[in-house]
């Protein structure tokens, strides 16, 4: 949560997020100080004049912070689209967990991240309980102004790619599917407009529980995505696919037919966050393959020419540009 509102000394959670609860509901935390900002506001301007900081915090980024990457070219944005509970945020947590544990996106080498704290917080909430069930990250807030951009720098052959995974609430995507001009779905519209490719989530659990209703919501959202897709690539991810055998075959076939009509060239993969073995295809292979498949379809790679940043800091460590700085 915001540091001025947290009484816990070792809390390093980003703005508007609670490390103790593992969710954005920081006002419910026992360490939350409701009126702390009023007292600290008096000295904020004075502190800002004396404290120098590096230009990033490690938290997930917002729209107005994308220029942090501008010195390396235009970043590629991967939009995550799906209804509420479809597994978008959980996918990010699993992707980071797999990379952290040594798994690889084939052909794409990890070269850094500006949002490691954001990745880490999501991954910490993803774990398997003693009863074998998976504890998933909390749902993304359904605020129209809330979205999170998770950064990975990936090297492919002789090119460096800055990749941003854009995540927002499933509720706002449902509103956007009904009406793209809905003011309460502005963040979904931004993700759709700005993304260079999409991961589209089909929730197997919802299909089991809601049947025809889930099918209608999936197809409606897919139809809205198709309207302005142009040549942008899309990968279809059937989430919670460890439950796939419990879905009604006629509903699955109907959804598959609709998606095939809308996205005839799209790659379709089944994914899961519950692994039966260390080489489980749904978990350890397909979660990575989804991102790999999309990256391989994206064009216009950025040349591997990284200009040194110019941080606003008086700290010698951050200002030092190496031996080439004077050349």
Protein backbone atom coordinates (compact mmCIF):
# COMPACT_ATOMS: atom_id res chain seq x y z
CA UNK A 1 0.00 0.00 0.00
CA UNK A 2 1.09 3.64 -0.07
CA UNK A 3 3.99 3.85 2.37
CA UNK A 4 2.53 6.86 4.19
CA UNK A 5 -0.53 4.78 5.04
CA UNK A 6 1.29 1.67 6.25
CA UNK A 7 2.68 1.22 9.74
CA UNK A 8 4.60 -1.97 8.91
CA UNK A 9 8.31 -1.15 8.64
CA UNK A 10 9.25 -3.94 6.20
CA UNK A 11 6.34 -3.43 3.81
CA UNK A 12 7.52 -2.76 0.27
CA UNK A 13 4.22 -3.14 -1.56
CA UNK A 14 3.58 -0.80 -4.51
CA UNK A 15 1.06 2.01 -4.52
CA UNK A 16 -2.52 0.82 -3.90
CA UNK A 17 -1.53 -2.77 -3.09
CA UNK A 18 -1.25 -4.61 0.23
CA UNK A 19 1.62 -7.05 0.75
CA UNK A 20 0.02 -8.44 3.92
CA UNK A 21 -3.28 -9.35 2.19
CA UNK A 22 -1.83 -9.94 -1.27
CA UNK A 23 -4.55 -7.78 -2.83
CA UNK A 24 -5.44 -4.16 -3.68
CA UNK A 25 -7.79 -3.96 -0.66
CA UNK A 26 -5.17 -2.26 1.52
CA UNK A 27 -7.73 -0.34 3.69
CA UNK A 28 -8.66 -3.70 5.25
CA UNK A 29 -5.09 -4.34 6.41
CA UNK A 30 -4.39 -4.10 10.15
CA UNK A 31 -1.38 -1.91 9.37
CA UNK A 32 -3.38 0.63 7.38
CA UNK A 33 -3.40 4.19 8.76
CA UNK A 34 -6.48 5.88 7.36
CA UNK A 35 -5.59 9.54 8.02
CA UNK A 36 -1.82 9.35 7.71
CA UNK A 37 -1.79 11.13 4.36
CA UNK A 38 -3.29 14.28 5.89
CA UNK A 39 -0.35 14.77 8.23
CA UNK A 40 2.31 13.85 5.70
CA UNK A 41 0.81 16.07 3.00
CA UNK A 42 2.13 19.09 4.90
CA UNK A 43 5.75 18.09 4.29
CA UNK A 44 5.43 16.36 0.92
CA UNK A 45 6.51 19.32 -1.18
CA UNK A 46 9.52 19.96 1.08
CA UNK A 47 10.63 16.33 0.85
CA UNK A 48 10.30 16.29 -2.92
CA UNK A 49 12.81 19.10 -3.12
CA UNK A 50 15.45 17.26 -1.15
CA UNK A 51 15.06 13.60 -2.11
CA UNK A 52 16.28 12.28 -5.46
CA UNK A 53 14.92 9.03 -6.82
CA UNK A 54 15.53 6.77 -9.78
CA UNK A 55 12.80 7.03 -12.45
CA UNK A 56 11.18 3.67 -11.69
CA UNK A 57 10.07 1.81 -8.59
CA UNK A 58 9.71 -1.81 -9.75
CA UNK A 59 5.91 -1.68 -9.47
CA UNK A 60 3.68 -2.33 -12.46
CA UNK A 61 3.44 0.64 -14.81
CA UNK A 62 0.55 2.87 -15.82
CA UNK A 63 -0.23 4.46 -19.20
CA UNK A 64 1.65 7.67 -18.48
CA UNK A 65 4.81 5.78 -17.49
CA UNK A 66 5.40 4.03 -20.83
CA UNK A 67 7.80 6.82 -21.81
CA UNK A 68 10.22 5.20 -19.35
CA UNK A 69 11.01 2.82 -22.22
CA UNK A 70 10.99 5.42 -24.99
CA UNK A 71 14.79 5.63 -25.18
CA UNK A 72 14.81 2.05 -26.53
CA UNK A 73 12.03 2.43 -29.08
CA UNK A 74 8.32 1.68 -28.99
CA UNK A 75 7.49 -1.24 -26.65
CA UNK A 76 5.27 -4.05 -27.84
CA UNK A 77 2.05 -4.32 -25.86
CA UNK A 78 0.32 -7.66 -25.32
CA UNK A 79 -3.30 -7.17 -24.29
CA UNK A 80 -4.89 -9.76 -22.01
CA UNK A 81 -8.59 -10.07 -22.79
CA UNK A 82 -11.18 -12.17 -21.01
CA UNK A 83 -14.19 -12.09 -18.74
CA UNK A 84 -14.06 -11.84 -14.95
CA UNK A 85 -12.26 -14.79 -13.37
CA UNK A 86 -10.95 -16.10 -16.69
CA UNK A 87 -7.38 -16.25 -15.36
CA UNK A 88 -5.64 -13.25 -16.92
CA UNK A 89 -3.81 -12.05 -13.81
CA UNK A 90 -3.16 -15.63 -12.74
CA UNK A 91 -1.55 -16.27 -16.11
CA UNK A 92 0.92 -13.45 -15.45
CA UNK A 93 1.71 -14.88 -12.02
CA UNK A 94 2.34 -18.31 -13.50
CA UNK A 95 4.40 -16.93 -16.39
CA UNK A 96 6.72 -15.14 -13.97
CA UNK A 97 6.88 -18.18 -11.67
CA UNK A 98 7.95 -20.41 -14.55
CA UNK A 99 10.61 -17.94 -15.72
CA UNK A 100 11.85 -17.45 -12.16
CA UNK A 101 12.27 -21.21 -11.79
CA UNK A 102 14.40 -21.53 -14.91
CA UNK A 103 11.84 -22.27 -17.61
CA UNK A 104 12.40 -20.52 -20.92
CA UNK A 105 10.37 -18.82 -23.61
CA UNK A 106 11.99 -20.58 -26.55
CA UNK A 107 14.02 -18.18 -28.68
CA UNK A 108 13.52 -15.29 -26.27
CA UNK A 109 16.11 -14.60 -23.56
CA UNK A 110 15.20 -12.64 -20.45
CA UNK A 111 17.10 -9.33 -20.42
CA UNK A 112 15.57 -7.50 -17.47
CA UNK A 113 12.39 -5.86 -16.21
CA UNK A 114 11.35 -2.50 -14.84
CA UNK A 115 8.46 -4.12 -12.94
CA UNK A 116 10.05 -6.93 -10.94
CA UNK A 117 8.23 -5.92 -7.76
CA UNK A 118 4.92 -6.08 -9.58
CA UNK A 119 5.68 -9.52 -11.01
CA UNK A 120 6.87 -10.76 -7.62
CA UNK A 121 3.75 -9.63 -5.78
CA UNK A 122 1.50 -11.51 -8.19
CA UNK A 123 3.64 -14.64 -8.04
CA UNK A 124 3.64 -14.64 -4.22
CA UNK A 125 -0.15 -15.03 -4.16
CA UNK A 126 -0.03 -18.06 -6.47
CA UNK A 127 0.61 -21.29 -4.59
CA UNK A 128 -0.81 -24.76 -4.06
CA UNK A 129 -2.53 -25.38 -0.73
CA UNK A 130 -2.21 -28.52 1.36
CA UNK A 131 -5.45 -29.89 -0.10
CA UNK A 132 -3.97 -29.66 -3.59
CA UNK A 133 -6.08 -26.67 -4.66
CA UNK A 134 -4.47 -23.61 -6.20
CA UNK A 135 -4.63 -20.26 -4.39
CA UNK A 136 -5.04 -17.68 -7.16
CA UNK A 137 -4.19 -13.96 -7.10
CA UNK A 138 -7.06 -11.69 -6.08
CA UNK A 139 -9.28 -10.34 -8.83
CA UNK A 140 -8.11 -7.19 -10.57
CA UNK A 141 -10.07 -4.13 -9.34
CA UNK A 142 -13.00 -3.25 -11.62
CA UNK A 143 -12.15 0.45 -11.55
CA UNK A 144 -12.29 2.04 -15.02
CA UNK A 145 -9.03 3.85 -14.27
CA UNK A 146 -7.16 0.78 -13.06
CA UNK A 147 -4.87 -1.19 -15.31
CA UNK A 148 -1.43 -2.62 -14.89
CA UNK A 149 1.42 -2.95 -17.35
CA UNK A 150 4.03 -5.63 -16.58
CA UNK A 151 7.36 -5.23 -18.36
CA UNK A 152 9.79 -7.79 -19.73
CA UNK A 153 12.87 -7.01 -21.79
CA UNK A 154 13.47 -9.97 -24.09
CA UNK A 155 16.33 -10.56 -26.50
CA UNK A 156 15.62 -12.38 -29.74
CA UNK A 157 18.71 -12.97 -31.90
CA UNK A 158 20.23 -9.48 -32.36
CA UNK A 159 17.22 -7.48 -31.24
CA UNK A 160 15.97 -6.28 -27.89
CA UNK A 161 12.21 -6.16 -27.36
CA UNK A 162 10.50 -4.26 -24.58
CA UNK A 163 7.24 -6.12 -23.97
CA UNK A 164 4.37 -4.87 -21.81
CA UNK A 165 1.59 -7.21 -20.68
CA UNK A 166 -1.54 -5.07 -20.25
CA UNK A 167 -4.00 -6.38 -17.67
CA UNK A 168 -7.34 -5.01 -16.51
CA UNK A 169 -10.53 -6.26 -14.89
CA UNK A 170 -12.79 -8.76 -16.62
CA UNK A 171 -15.79 -6.66 -15.61
CA UNK A 172 -14.63 -3.71 -17.71
CA UNK A 173 -14.08 -6.00 -20.70
CA UNK A 174 -17.66 -7.27 -20.36
CA UNK A 175 -18.88 -3.66 -20.36
CA UNK A 176 -16.64 -2.90 -23.33
CA UNK A 177 -18.10 -5.89 -25.21
CA UNK A 178 -21.58 -4.44 -24.69
CA UNK A 179 -20.60 -0.90 -25.61
CA UNK A 180 -17.11 0.20 -26.65
CA UNK A 181 -18.02 3.80 -25.77
CA UNK A 182 -19.02 2.97 -22.20
CA UNK A 183 -17.18 5.51 -19.97
CA UNK A 184 -16.72 2.85 -17.29
CA UNK A 185 -14.71 0.69 -19.71
CA UNK A 186 -12.10 3.21 -20.80
CA UNK A 187 -9.15 1.08 -19.70
CA UNK A 188 -10.40 -1.90 -21.73
CA UNK A 189 -10.70 0.38 -24.75
CA UNK A 190 -7.15 1.67 -24.22
CA UNK A 191 -5.76 -1.87 -24.05
CA UNK A 192 -7.61 -2.86 -27.21
CA UNK A 193 -6.51 0.23 -29.13
CA UNK A 194 -2.85 0.21 -28.09
CA UNK A 195 -2.01 -3.52 -28.05
CA UNK A 196 0.02 -5.10 -30.83
CA UNK A 197 -1.31 -8.58 -30.11
CA UNK A 198 -3.70 -10.36 -27.76
CA UNK A 199 -4.01 -13.31 -25.43
CA UNK A 200 -7.73 -14.18 -25.37
CA UNK A 201 -8.87 -16.25 -22.38
CA UNK A 202 -11.66 -18.84 -22.47
CA UNK A 203 -12.62 -19.92 -18.94
CA UNK A 204 -13.25 -23.69 -18.77
CA UNK A 205 -14.61 -23.39 -15.22
CA UNK A 206 -17.20 -20.83 -16.34
CA UNK A 207 -18.25 -23.09 -19.22
CA UNK A 208 -18.83 -25.92 -16.74
CA UNK A 209 -20.75 -23.77 -14.27
CA UNK A 210 -22.63 -21.39 -16.57
CA UNK A 211 -22.83 -23.38 -19.82
CA UNK A 212 -24.76 -21.39 -22.42
CA UNK A 213 -24.40 -18.11 -20.56
CA UNK A 214 -20.61 -18.46 -20.55
CA UNK A 215 -20.65 -19.30 -24.25
CA UNK A 216 -22.63 -16.16 -25.07
CA UNK A 217 -20.26 -13.95 -23.07
CA UNK A 218 -17.16 -15.50 -24.67
CA UNK A 219 -18.53 -15.16 -28.22
CA UNK A 220 -19.79 -11.60 -27.63
CA UNK A 221 -16.39 -10.51 -26.39
CA UNK A 222 -14.65 -12.28 -29.28
CA UNK A 223 -16.92 -10.58 -31.82
CA UNK A 224 -16.04 -7.17 -30.40
CA UNK A 225 -12.32 -8.01 -30.55
CA UNK A 226 -12.67 -9.06 -34.20
CA UNK A 227 -14.20 -5.75 -35.35
CA UNK A 228 -11.01 -3.71 -35.21
CA UNK A 229 -8.43 -6.46 -35.02
CA UNK A 230 -7.00 -5.90 -38.51
CA UNK A 231 -3.83 -7.97 -38.81
CA UNK A 232 -2.91 -8.01 -35.15
CA UNK A 233 -2.19 -11.57 -33.96
CA UNK A 234 -4.27 -13.31 -31.30
CA UNK A 235 -3.69 -16.52 -29.31
CA UNK A 236 -6.64 -18.34 -27.73
CA UNK A 237 -5.96 -19.70 -24.24
CA UNK A 238 -8.41 -22.17 -22.67
CA UNK A 239 -7.68 -21.51 -18.99
CA UNK A 240 -8.22 -24.02 -16.14
CA UNK A 241 -8.02 -26.75 -18.78
CA UNK A 242 -7.30 -29.40 -16.15
CA UNK A 243 -11.13 -29.31 -15.84
CA UNK A 244 -11.74 -29.56 -19.60
CA UNK A 245 -13.13 -33.10 -19.47
CA UNK A 246 -16.07 -31.82 -17.40
CA UNK A 247 -17.24 -29.37 -20.09
CA UNK A 248 -20.20 -30.32 -22.26
CA UNK A 249 -18.91 -31.27 -25.68
CA UNK A 250 -21.73 -29.56 -27.60
CA UNK A 251 -21.01 -26.21 -25.91
CA UNK A 252 -17.27 -26.57 -26.51
CA UNK A 253 -17.83 -27.39 -30.18
CA UNK A 254 -20.10 -24.39 -30.57
CA UNK A 255 -17.53 -22.05 -29.01
CA UNK A 256 -14.72 -23.53 -31.10
CA UNK A 257 -16.75 -23.07 -34.30
CA UNK A 258 -17.48 -19.43 -33.48
CA UNK A 259 -13.85 -18.68 -32.62
CA UNK A 260 -12.59 -20.46 -35.72
CA UNK A 261 -14.88 -18.31 -37.86
CA UNK A 262 -13.74 -15.10 -36.17
CA UNK A 263 -10.04 -15.96 -35.89
CA UNK A 264 -9.27 -18.61 -38.54
CA UNK A 265 -5.48 -18.34 -38.14
CA UNK A 266 -5.35 -18.13 -34.34
CA UNK A 267 -3.34 -20.64 -32.34
CA UNK A 268 -5.42 -22.32 -29.62
CA UNK A 269 -3.85 -23.74 -26.45
CA UNK A 270 -5.10 -25.34 -23.25
CA UNK A 271 -3.42 -24.02 -20.10
CA UNK A 272 -3.57 -24.72 -16.38
CA UNK A 273 -1.92 -23.53 -13.19
CA UNK A 274 -2.14 -26.94 -11.55
CA UNK A 275 0.71 -29.27 -12.57
CA UNK A 276 0.55 -33.04 -12.19
CA UNK A 277 4.28 -33.37 -12.89
CA UNK A 278 7.32 -31.18 -13.51
CA UNK A 279 6.84 -31.54 -17.27
CA UNK A 280 3.06 -31.05 -17.27
CA UNK A 281 2.11 -29.82 -20.74
CA UNK A 282 -0.82 -27.63 -19.69
CA UNK A 283 1.19 -25.84 -17.00
CA UNK A 284 4.91 -25.91 -17.77
CA UNK A 285 4.74 -25.96 -21.56
CA UNK A 286 1.61 -24.21 -22.81
CA UNK A 287 1.72 -21.22 -20.45
CA UNK A 288 5.07 -20.30 -21.97
CA UNK A 289 4.04 -21.32 -25.48
CA UNK A 290 1.14 -18.87 -25.43
CA UNK A 291 3.46 -15.91 -25.02
CA UNK A 292 6.08 -17.43 -27.33
CA UNK A 293 3.53 -17.93 -30.13
CA UNK A 294 2.35 -14.33 -29.89
CA UNK A 295 5.85 -12.87 -29.77
CA UNK A 296 6.84 -14.84 -32.86
CA UNK A 297 3.96 -13.27 -34.78
CA UNK A 298 4.80 -9.70 -33.82
CA UNK A 299 6.81 -7.71 -36.32
CA UNK A 300 9.07 -4.64 -36.30
CA UNK A 301 11.70 -5.68 -33.74
CA UNK A 302 13.70 -2.90 -32.13
CA UNK A 303 17.47 -2.88 -32.87
CA UNK A 304 19.68 -3.83 -29.96
CA UNK A 305 21.02 -0.30 -29.48
CA UNK A 306 20.40 0.70 -25.89
CA UNK A 307 21.01 4.34 -25.06
CA UNK A 308 21.96 5.03 -21.43
CA UNK A 309 19.18 6.57 -19.35
CA UNK A 310 19.52 10.01 -17.79
CA UNK A 311 18.13 9.51 -14.27
CA UNK A 312 17.21 12.58 -12.25
CA UNK A 313 19.49 11.82 -9.32
CA UNK A 314 22.56 13.26 -7.72
CA UNK A 315 23.76 9.78 -6.78
CA UNK A 316 27.04 9.03 -8.57
CA UNK A 317 26.11 5.37 -9.10
CA UNK A 318 23.05 6.24 -11.17
CA UNK A 319 24.73 9.09 -13.06
CA UNK A 320 27.81 7.09 -14.10
CA UNK A 321 27.62 6.21 -17.81
CA UNK A 322 30.74 4.07 -18.12
CA UNK A 323 33.90 4.70 -20.15
CA UNK A 324 31.86 5.44 -23.27
CA UNK A 325 30.12 8.37 -21.56
CA UNK A 326 32.75 10.90 -22.58
CA UNK A 327 33.16 9.65 -26.14
